[in-house]
């Protein structure tokens, strides 16, 4: 009989190539994989053929199981099969409710390990050439959830809107208009905004605008969850960085052609 064990594994932001080597090894050793809606199912190919794979949901509007049911499932699978991998989108400790699952496992006497993943809050803007910090523009960044467990807008957004930091808001599309109103009240109506849906995947879609018009643009383009909302001057750097990157690529290509011509 195998010893019960739980690995809380970050699946990354969506692109299956952004999984970590440590996460891949955990999947290879798993007897059971319990995966979320935001974890790319392509990652299940790293699990062995005899591994039990179970979808447990957990996305806004997609709850195959409640958190309490997931906790119970983790415990049952660990005692019945052995090593359980709880595969979570992004990083388990960034709005992943990992604490509750760890506490449930600890209470049942099940060993636990954490394997961090790349958070969408960091990776999705990066893949679009949007830095979260930039010298002389942004010295820090906030990562905030759009809504609390009561369904209301997080009070931290009011604080974030008053800062000069880049603000990355997750799970917030249903509250987009109310959130932009908060930034407007804080005098940020002309601050650049980028919204990226399904970031790092083939279905990725991005719109840009300002605090005062991004809600209407999102409505027109049909942008919905899963998406990140980024508010800050750094959003304007994207075009500049893309232009410089393309210029550099052309210069390198020309050098190669010139050297071959010689």
C-alpha atoms as a PDB file:
ATOM      1  CA  UNK A   1       0.000   0.000   0.000  1.00  0.00           C
ATOM      2  CA  UNK A   2       1.453   3.362  -1.037  1.00  0.00           C
ATOM      3  CA  UNK A   3       1.818   6.138   1.511  1.00  0.00           C
ATOM      4  CA  UNK A   4      -0.651   9.017   1.034  1.00  0.00           C
ATOM      5  CA  UNK A   5       0.997  12.183  -0.233  1.00  0.00           C
ATOM      6  CA  UNK A   6      -0.149  15.450  -1.808  1.00  0.00           C
ATOM      7  CA  UNK A   7       1.768  17.586  -4.306  1.00  0.00           C
ATOM      8  CA  UNK A   8       0.277  21.005  -4.966  1.00  0.00           C
ATOM      9  CA  UNK A   9       1.614  21.789  -8.425  1.00  0.00           C
ATOM     10  CA  UNK A  10       1.502  25.031 -10.392  1.00  0.00           C
ATOM     11  CA  UNK A  11       0.543  24.378 -14.010  1.00  0.00           C
ATOM     12  CA  UNK A  12       1.636  27.802 -15.244  1.00  0.00           C
ATOM     13  CA  UNK A  13      -0.399  30.386 -17.173  1.00  0.00           C
ATOM     14  CA  UNK A  14      -1.730  28.198 -20.004  1.00  0.00           C
ATOM     15  CA  UNK A  15       1.077  27.523 -22.471  1.00  0.00           C
ATOM     16  CA  UNK A  16       2.029  23.877 -21.757  1.00  0.00           C
ATOM     17  CA  UNK A  17       5.684  24.684 -22.492  1.00  0.00           C
ATOM     18  CA  UNK A  18       5.739  26.977 -19.460  1.00  0.00           C
ATOM     19  CA  UNK A  19       5.442  24.057 -17.030  1.00  0.00           C
ATOM     20  CA  UNK A  20       8.480  23.549 -14.783  1.00  0.00           C
ATOM     21  CA  UNK A  21      10.703  20.476 -14.882  1.00  0.00           C
ATOM     22  CA  UNK A  22       9.886  19.751 -11.232  1.00  0.00           C
ATOM     23  CA  UNK A  23       6.161  19.827 -12.038  1.00  0.00           C
ATOM     24  CA  UNK A  24       6.659  17.392 -14.926  1.00  0.00           C
ATOM     25  CA  UNK A  25       8.474  14.975 -12.632  1.00  0.00           C
ATOM     26  CA  UNK A  26       5.667  15.180 -10.066  1.00  0.00           C
ATOM     27  CA  UNK A  27       3.110  14.336 -12.758  1.00  0.00           C
ATOM     28  CA  UNK A  28       5.196  11.349 -13.862  1.00  0.00           C
ATOM     29  CA  UNK A  29       5.109   9.933 -10.315  1.00  0.00           C
ATOM     30  CA  UNK A  30       1.426  10.677  -9.642  1.00  0.00           C
ATOM     31  CA  UNK A  31      -1.128   7.974  -8.916  1.00  0.00           C
ATOM     32  CA  UNK A  32      -3.950  10.530  -9.190  1.00  0.00           C
ATOM     33  CA  UNK A  33      -4.076  13.953 -10.858  1.00  0.00           C
ATOM     34  CA  UNK A  34      -6.843  16.356  -9.827  1.00  0.00           C
ATOM     35  CA  UNK A  35      -6.752  19.248 -12.286  1.00  0.00           C
ATOM     36  CA  UNK A  36      -8.433  22.635 -12.615  1.00  0.00           C
ATOM     37  CA  UNK A  37     -10.146  24.325 -15.544  1.00  0.00           C
ATOM     38  CA  UNK A  38      -7.190  26.697 -15.894  1.00  0.00           C
ATOM     39  CA  UNK A  39      -4.615  23.896 -16.122  1.00  0.00           C
ATOM     40  CA  UNK A  40      -3.883  22.976 -19.739  1.00  0.00           C
ATOM     41  CA  UNK A  41      -5.011  19.379 -20.308  1.00  0.00           C
ATOM     42  CA  UNK A  42      -1.975  18.805 -22.541  1.00  0.00           C
ATOM     43  CA  UNK A  43       0.022  18.555 -19.321  1.00  0.00           C
ATOM     44  CA  UNK A  44      -1.756  15.307 -18.475  1.00  0.00           C
ATOM     45  CA  UNK A  45       0.418  13.567 -21.070  1.00  0.00           C
ATOM     46  CA  UNK A  46       3.257  13.658 -18.519  1.00  0.00           C
ATOM     47  CA  UNK A  47       1.291  11.399 -16.181  1.00  0.00           C
ATOM     48  CA  UNK A  48       1.815   7.633 -16.448  1.00  0.00           C
ATOM     49  CA  UNK A  49      -0.757   5.456 -18.231  1.00  0.00           C
ATOM     50  CA  UNK A  50      -2.145   4.000 -15.001  1.00  0.00           C
ATOM     51  CA  UNK A  51      -2.663   7.392 -13.384  1.00  0.00           C
ATOM     52  CA  UNK A  52      -6.243   8.391 -12.545  1.00  0.00           C
ATOM     53  CA  UNK A  53      -7.070  11.821 -13.948  1.00  0.00           C
ATOM     54  CA  UNK A  54     -10.035  13.733 -12.557  1.00  0.00           C
ATOM     55  CA  UNK A  55     -11.314  17.189 -13.528  1.00  0.00           C
ATOM     56  CA  UNK A  56     -12.400  19.194 -10.492  1.00  0.00           C
ATOM     57  CA  UNK A  57     -13.253  22.538 -12.116  1.00  0.00           C
ATOM     58  CA  UNK A  58     -12.633  25.735 -10.150  1.00  0.00           C
ATOM     59  CA  UNK A  59     -13.068  28.653 -12.478  1.00  0.00           C
ATOM     60  CA  UNK A  60     -15.658  31.431 -12.368  1.00  0.00           C
ATOM     61  CA  UNK A  61     -18.835  29.851 -13.706  1.00  0.00           C
ATOM     62  CA  UNK A  62     -17.229  26.392 -13.775  1.00  0.00           C
ATOM     63  CA  UNK A  63     -17.327  24.529 -10.483  1.00  0.00           C
ATOM     64  CA  UNK A  64     -17.333  20.770 -10.981  1.00  0.00           C
ATOM     65  CA  UNK A  65     -16.801  20.386  -7.232  1.00  0.00           C
ATOM     66  CA  UNK A  66     -16.987  22.753  -4.293  1.00  0.00           C
ATOM     67  CA  UNK A  67     -13.777  23.446  -2.376  1.00  0.00           C
ATOM     68  CA  UNK A  68     -14.976  21.229   0.446  1.00  0.00           C
ATOM     69  CA  UNK A  69     -15.629  18.395  -2.030  1.00  0.00           C
ATOM     70  CA  UNK A  70     -12.169  18.872  -3.532  1.00  0.00           C
ATOM     71  CA  UNK A  71     -10.615  18.644  -0.066  1.00  0.00           C
ATOM     72  CA  UNK A  72     -12.485  15.389   0.577  1.00  0.00           C
ATOM     73  CA  UNK A  73     -11.493  14.034  -2.836  1.00  0.00           C
ATOM     74  CA  UNK A  74      -7.820  14.781  -2.166  1.00  0.00           C
ATOM     75  CA  UNK A  75      -7.937  12.885   1.141  1.00  0.00           C
ATOM     76  CA  UNK A  76      -9.861   9.905  -0.285  1.00  0.00           C
ATOM     77  CA  UNK A  77      -7.567   9.587  -3.299  1.00  0.00           C
ATOM     78  CA  UNK A  78      -4.418   9.897  -1.188  1.00  0.00           C
ATOM     79  CA  UNK A  79      -5.468   7.078   1.165  1.00  0.00           C
ATOM     80  CA  UNK A  80      -6.855   4.870  -1.612  1.00  0.00           C
ATOM     81  CA  UNK A  81      -4.165   5.340  -4.265  1.00  0.00           C
ATOM     82  CA  UNK A  82      -1.116   7.087  -2.788  1.00  0.00           C
ATOM     83  CA  UNK A  83       0.486  10.096  -4.458  1.00  0.00           C
ATOM     84  CA  UNK A  84      -1.965  12.830  -5.473  1.00  0.00           C
ATOM     85  CA  UNK A  85      -1.022  15.765  -7.702  1.00  0.00           C
ATOM     86  CA  UNK A  86      -3.344  18.735  -7.343  1.00  0.00           C
ATOM     87  CA  UNK A  87      -2.680  20.583 -10.602  1.00  0.00           C
ATOM     88  CA  UNK A  88      -3.606  24.253 -10.378  1.00  0.00           C
ATOM     89  CA  UNK A  89      -3.450  26.956 -13.035  1.00  0.00           C
ATOM     90  CA  UNK A  90      -0.688  29.513 -12.484  1.00  0.00           C
ATOM     91  CA  UNK A  91       0.896  29.243  -9.049  1.00  0.00           C
ATOM     92  CA  UNK A  92      -0.848  27.438  -6.157  1.00  0.00           C
ATOM     93  CA  UNK A  93      -0.188  30.299  -3.738  1.00  0.00           C
ATOM     94  CA  UNK A  94      -1.522  33.097  -5.981  1.00  0.00           C
ATOM     95  CA  UNK A  95      -5.309  33.003  -5.470  1.00  0.00           C
ATOM     96  CA  UNK A  96      -5.177  29.214  -5.720  1.00  0.00           C
ATOM     97  CA  UNK A  97      -6.786  28.397  -2.345  1.00  0.00           C
ATOM     98  CA  UNK A  98      -3.821  26.141  -1.628  1.00  0.00           C
ATOM     99  CA  UNK A  99      -3.941  26.963   2.083  1.00  0.00           C
ATOM    100  CA  UNK A 100      -7.308  25.248   2.490  1.00  0.00           C
ATOM    101  CA  UNK A 101      -6.116  22.089   0.752  1.00  0.00           C
ATOM    102  CA  UNK A 102      -2.909  21.974   2.778  1.00  0.00           C
ATOM    103  CA  UNK A 103      -4.862  22.353   6.021  1.00  0.00           C
ATOM    104  CA  UNK A 104      -7.226  19.541   5.005  1.00  0.00           C
ATOM    105  CA  UNK A 105      -4.291  17.259   4.153  1.00  0.00           C
ATOM    106  CA  UNK A 106      -2.466  18.136   7.384  1.00  0.00           C
ATOM    107  CA  UNK A 107      -5.575  17.372   9.428  1.00  0.00           C
ATOM    108  CA  UNK A 108      -5.742  13.943   7.775  1.00  0.00           C
ATOM    109  CA  UNK A 109      -2.050  13.253   8.398  1.00  0.00           C
ATOM    110  CA  UNK A 110      -1.084  13.458   4.718  1.00  0.00           C
ATOM    111  CA  UNK A 111       2.342  14.757   3.731  1.00  0.00           C
ATOM    112  CA  UNK A 112       2.372  17.832   1.467  1.00  0.00           C
ATOM    113  CA  UNK A 113       4.808  19.514  -0.913  1.00  0.00           C
ATOM    114  CA  UNK A 114       4.462  22.701  -2.972  1.00  0.00           C
ATOM    115  CA  UNK A 115       5.784  22.965  -6.523  1.00  0.00           C
ATOM    116  CA  UNK A 116       5.488  26.607  -7.609  1.00  0.00           C
ATOM    117  CA  UNK A 117       4.234  27.554 -11.040  1.00  0.00           C
ATOM    118  CA  UNK A 118       4.574  30.627 -13.233  1.00  0.00           C
ATOM    119  CA  UNK A 119       1.737  32.983 -12.329  1.00  0.00           C
ATOM    120  CA  UNK A 120      -0.372  34.465 -15.119  1.00  0.00           C
ATOM    121  CA  UNK A 121       0.014  37.814 -13.357  1.00  0.00           C
ATOM    122  CA  UNK A 122       3.673  37.805 -14.387  1.00  0.00           C
ATOM    123  CA  UNK A 123       3.801  35.673 -17.519  1.00  0.00           C
ATOM    124  CA  UNK A 124       0.841  36.980 -19.492  1.00  0.00           C
ATOM    125  CA  UNK A 125       2.007  40.627 -19.633  1.00  0.00           C
ATOM    126  CA  UNK A 126       5.589  39.474 -20.268  1.00  0.00           C
ATOM    127  CA  UNK A 127       4.566  37.424 -23.305  1.00  0.00           C
ATOM    128  CA  UNK A 128       2.958  40.570 -24.691  1.00  0.00           C
ATOM    129  CA  UNK A 129       6.120  42.639 -24.105  1.00  0.00           C
ATOM    130  CA  UNK A 130       4.566  44.541 -21.192  1.00  0.00           C
ATOM    131  CA  UNK A 131       6.957  44.872 -18.241  1.00  0.00           C
ATOM    132  CA  UNK A 132       5.423  45.212 -14.790  1.00  0.00           C
ATOM    133  CA  UNK A 133       8.212  47.527 -13.648  1.00  0.00           C
ATOM    134  CA  UNK A 134      10.336  49.972 -15.632  1.00  0.00           C
ATOM    135  CA  UNK A 135      12.863  52.508 -14.456  1.00  0.00           C
ATOM    136  CA  UNK A 136      11.334  55.969 -14.211  1.00  0.00           C
ATOM    137  CA  UNK A 137       7.820  54.650 -14.942  1.00  0.00           C
ATOM    138  CA  UNK A 138       6.809  52.044 -12.370  1.00  0.00           C
ATOM    139  CA  UNK A 139       8.757  51.069  -9.263  1.00  0.00           C
ATOM    140  CA  UNK A 140       6.403  48.339  -8.068  1.00  0.00           C
ATOM    141  CA  UNK A 141       3.288  46.365  -8.910  1.00  0.00           C
ATOM    142  CA  UNK A 142       0.154  45.108  -7.229  1.00  0.00           C
ATOM    143  CA  UNK A 143      -1.496  41.763  -7.939  1.00  0.00           C
ATOM    144  CA  UNK A 144      -5.097  41.947  -6.788  1.00  0.00           C
ATOM    145  CA  UNK A 145      -8.140  39.737  -7.081  1.00  0.00           C
ATOM    146  CA  UNK A 146     -11.134  41.438  -8.679  1.00  0.00           C
ATOM    147  CA  UNK A 147     -13.710  40.108  -6.252  1.00  0.00           C
ATOM    148  CA  UNK A 148     -13.810  38.777  -2.718  1.00  0.00           C
ATOM    149  CA  UNK A 149     -15.596  35.617  -1.579  1.00  0.00           C
ATOM    150  CA  UNK A 150     -18.687  37.737  -0.948  1.00  0.00           C
ATOM    151  CA  UNK A 151     -18.743  38.844  -4.593  1.00  0.00           C
ATOM    152  CA  UNK A 152     -17.865  42.467  -3.875  1.00  0.00           C
ATOM    153  CA  UNK A 153     -14.962  44.385  -5.391  1.00  0.00           C
ATOM    154  CA  UNK A 154     -11.809  43.967  -3.311  1.00  0.00           C
ATOM    155  CA  UNK A 155     -11.074  46.935  -1.045  1.00  0.00           C
ATOM    156  CA  UNK A 156      -7.422  46.638  -2.065  1.00  0.00           C
ATOM    157  CA  UNK A 157      -8.317  47.913  -5.539  1.00  0.00           C
ATOM    158  CA  UNK A 158      -9.261  51.265  -3.982  1.00  0.00           C
ATOM    159  CA  UNK A 159      -5.778  51.419  -2.435  1.00  0.00           C
ATOM    160  CA  UNK A 160      -4.043  50.241  -5.607  1.00  0.00           C
ATOM    161  CA  UNK A 161      -5.811  52.893  -7.676  1.00  0.00           C
ATOM    162  CA  UNK A 162      -4.239  55.614  -5.557  1.00  0.00           C
ATOM    163  CA  UNK A 163      -0.683  54.372  -6.118  1.00  0.00           C
ATOM    164  CA  UNK A 164       1.725  54.931  -9.006  1.00  0.00           C
ATOM    165  CA  UNK A 165       2.339  51.195  -9.267  1.00  0.00           C
ATOM    166  CA  UNK A 166       1.321  48.876 -12.085  1.00  0.00           C
ATOM    167  CA  UNK A 167      -1.878  47.097 -11.057  1.00  0.00           C
ATOM    168  CA  UNK A 168      -2.615  43.563 -12.286  1.00  0.00           C
ATOM    169  CA  UNK A 169      -6.145  42.411 -11.516  1.00  0.00           C
ATOM    170  CA  UNK A 170      -7.158  38.756 -11.795  1.00  0.00           C
ATOM    171  CA  UNK A 171     -10.625  37.214 -12.034  1.00  0.00           C
ATOM    172  CA  UNK A 172     -12.227  40.598 -12.535  1.00  0.00           C
ATOM    173  CA  UNK A 173     -13.983  40.824 -15.894  1.00  0.00           C
ATOM    174  CA  UNK A 174     -17.431  40.660 -14.308  1.00  0.00           C
ATOM    175  CA  UNK A 175     -16.501  43.763 -12.262  1.00  0.00           C
ATOM    176  CA  UNK A 176     -14.609  45.637 -14.983  1.00  0.00           C
ATOM    177  CA  UNK A 177     -16.903  48.670 -15.138  1.00  0.00           C
ATOM    178  CA  UNK A 178     -16.982  49.106 -11.359  1.00  0.00           C
ATOM    179  CA  UNK A 179     -13.198  48.725 -11.138  1.00  0.00           C
ATOM    180  CA  UNK A 180     -12.587  51.322 -13.836  1.00  0.00           C
ATOM    181  CA  UNK A 181     -14.934  53.668 -11.957  1.00  0.00           C
ATOM    182  CA  UNK A 182     -12.665  53.316  -8.922  1.00  0.00           C
ATOM    183  CA  UNK A 183      -9.617  54.294 -10.986  1.00  0.00           C
ATOM    184  CA  UNK A 184     -11.554  57.210 -12.491  1.00  0.00           C
ATOM    185  CA  UNK A 185     -12.453  58.525  -9.039  1.00  0.00           C
ATOM    186  CA  UNK A 186      -8.748  58.307  -8.185  1.00  0.00           C
ATOM    187  CA  UNK A 187      -7.970  60.620 -11.122  1.00  0.00           C
ATOM    188  CA  UNK A 188      -6.628  57.869 -13.392  1.00  0.00           C
ATOM    189  CA  UNK A 189      -9.129  58.103 -16.272  1.00  0.00           C
ATOM    190  CA  UNK A 190      -6.329  58.546 -18.846  1.00  0.00           C
ATOM    191  CA  UNK A 191      -4.116  55.767 -17.485  1.00  0.00           C
ATOM    192  CA  UNK A 192      -3.367  53.045 -20.071  1.00  0.00           C
ATOM    193  CA  UNK A 193      -5.028  49.655 -19.670  1.00  0.00           C
ATOM    194  CA  UNK A 194      -4.409  46.306 -21.328  1.00  0.00           C
ATOM    195  CA  UNK A 195      -6.707  43.293 -21.027  1.00  0.00           C
ATOM    196  CA  UNK A 196      -5.384  39.908 -22.140  1.00  0.00           C
ATOM    197  CA  UNK A 197      -7.746  36.952 -22.462  1.00  0.00           C
ATOM    198  CA  UNK A 198      -6.473  33.350 -22.525  1.00  0.00           C
ATOM    199  CA  UNK A 199      -2.922  34.629 -22.182  1.00  0.00           C
ATOM    200  CA  UNK A 200      -0.007  32.503 -23.487  1.00  0.00           C
ATOM    201  CA  UNK A 201      -2.377  30.180 -25.387  1.00  0.00           C
ATOM    202  CA  UNK A 202      -3.405  29.911 -29.047  1.00  0.00           C
ATOM    203  CA  UNK A 203      -6.705  31.595 -28.121  1.00  0.00           C
ATOM    204  CA  UNK A 204      -4.977  34.666 -26.704  1.00  0.00           C
ATOM    205  CA  UNK A 205      -6.708  37.969 -27.383  1.00  0.00           C
ATOM    206  CA  UNK A 206      -5.665  41.427 -26.221  1.00  0.00           C
ATOM    207  CA  UNK A 207      -7.206  44.877 -26.237  1.00  0.00           C
ATOM    208  CA  UNK A 208      -5.721  48.163 -25.069  1.00  0.00           C
ATOM    209  CA  UNK A 209      -7.216  51.488 -24.119  1.00  0.00           C
ATOM    210  CA  UNK A 210      -7.488  53.748 -21.112  1.00  0.00           C
ATOM    211  CA  UNK A 211      -9.414  53.630 -17.882  1.00  0.00           C
ATOM    212  CA  UNK A 212     -12.188  55.760 -19.378  1.00  0.00           C
ATOM    213  CA  UNK A 213     -12.819  53.613 -22.479  1.00  0.00           C
ATOM    214  CA  UNK A 214     -11.577  50.069 -21.839  1.00  0.00           C
ATOM    215  CA  UNK A 215     -14.934  48.805 -20.565  1.00  0.00           C
ATOM    216  CA  UNK A 216     -16.663  49.741 -23.820  1.00  0.00           C
ATOM    217  CA  UNK A 217     -13.842  48.236 -25.884  1.00  0.00           C
ATOM    218  CA  UNK A 218     -14.064  45.004 -23.905  1.00  0.00           C
ATOM    219  CA  UNK A 219     -17.825  44.863 -24.460  1.00  0.00           C
ATOM    220  CA  UNK A 220     -17.392  45.434 -28.196  1.00  0.00           C
ATOM    221  CA  UNK A 221     -14.657  42.792 -28.536  1.00  0.00           C
ATOM    222  CA  UNK A 222     -16.433  40.278 -26.306  1.00  0.00           C
ATOM    223  CA  UNK A 223     -13.518  39.937 -23.891  1.00  0.00           C
ATOM    224  CA  UNK A 224     -14.323  37.644 -20.965  1.00  0.00           C
ATOM    225  CA  UNK A 225     -12.679  35.426 -18.355  1.00  0.00           C
ATOM    226  CA  UNK A 226     -10.104  34.017 -18.081  1.00  0.00           C
ATOM    227  CA  UNK A 227      -8.342  37.341 -18.506  1.00  0.00           C
ATOM    228  CA  UNK A 228      -5.984  39.666 -16.684  1.00  0.00           C
ATOM    229  CA  UNK A 229      -6.482  43.408 -16.461  1.00  0.00           C
ATOM    230  CA  UNK A 230      -3.325  45.525 -16.325  1.00  0.00           C
ATOM    231  CA  UNK A 231      -3.552  49.203 -15.404  1.00  0.00           C
ATOM    232  CA  UNK A 232      -0.453  51.369 -15.655  1.00  0.00           C
ATOM    233  CA  UNK A 233       1.845  53.443 -17.816  1.00  0.00           C
ATOM    234  CA  UNK A 234       3.947  50.369 -18.599  1.00  0.00           C
ATOM    235  CA  UNK A 235       1.226  49.246 -21.022  1.00  0.00           C
ATOM    236  CA  UNK A 236       2.429  51.942 -23.416  1.00  0.00           C
ATOM    237  CA  UNK A 237       5.900  50.347 -23.616  1.00  0.00           C
ATOM    238  CA  UNK A 238       4.649  47.364 -25.603  1.00  0.00           C
ATOM    239  CA  UNK A 239       4.691  49.000 -29.040  1.00  0.00           C
ATOM    240  CA  UNK A 240       8.089  50.549 -28.406  1.00  0.00           C
ATOM    241  CA  UNK A 241       9.624  47.245 -27.290  1.00  0.00           C
ATOM    242  CA  UNK A 242       8.047  45.315 -30.170  1.00  0.00           C
ATOM    243  CA  UNK A 243       9.337  47.906 -32.649  1.00  0.00           C
ATOM    244  CA  UNK A 244      12.849  47.768 -31.197  1.00  0.00           C
ATOM    245  CA  UNK A 245      12.783  43.958 -31.191  1.00  0.00           C
ATOM    246  CA  UNK A 246      11.725  43.802 -34.842  1.00  0.00           C
ATOM    247  CA  UNK A 247      14.361  46.384 -35.786  1.00  0.00           C
ATOM    248  CA  UNK A 248      17.033  44.321 -34.033  1.00  0.00           C
ATOM    249  CA  UNK A 249      15.859  41.154 -35.772  1.00  0.00           C
ATOM    250  CA  UNK A 250      16.051  42.853 -39.166  1.00  0.00           C
ATOM    251  CA  UNK A 251      19.551  44.130 -38.397  1.00  0.00           C
ATOM    252  CA  UNK A 252      20.727  40.629 -37.422  1.00  0.00           C
ATOM    253  CA  UNK A 253      19.138  39.150 -40.557  1.00  0.00           C
ATOM    254  CA  UNK A 254      20.882  41.751 -42.736  1.00  0.00           C
ATOM    255  CA  UNK A 255      24.216  40.969 -41.091  1.00  0.00           C
ATOM    256  CA  UNK A 256      23.737  37.284 -41.851  1.00  0.00           C
ATOM    257  CA  UNK A 257      22.905  38.031 -45.502  1.00  0.00           C
ATOM    258  CA  UNK A 258      25.923  40.349 -45.848  1.00  0.00           C
ATOM    259  CA  UNK A 259      28.273  37.776 -44.368  1.00  0.00           C
ATOM    260  CA  UNK A 260      26.937  35.090 -46.720  1.00  0.00           C
ATOM    261  CA  UNK A 261      27.341  37.464 -49.711  1.00  0.00           C
ATOM    262  CA  UNK A 262      31.041  37.814 -48.899  1.00  0.00           C
END
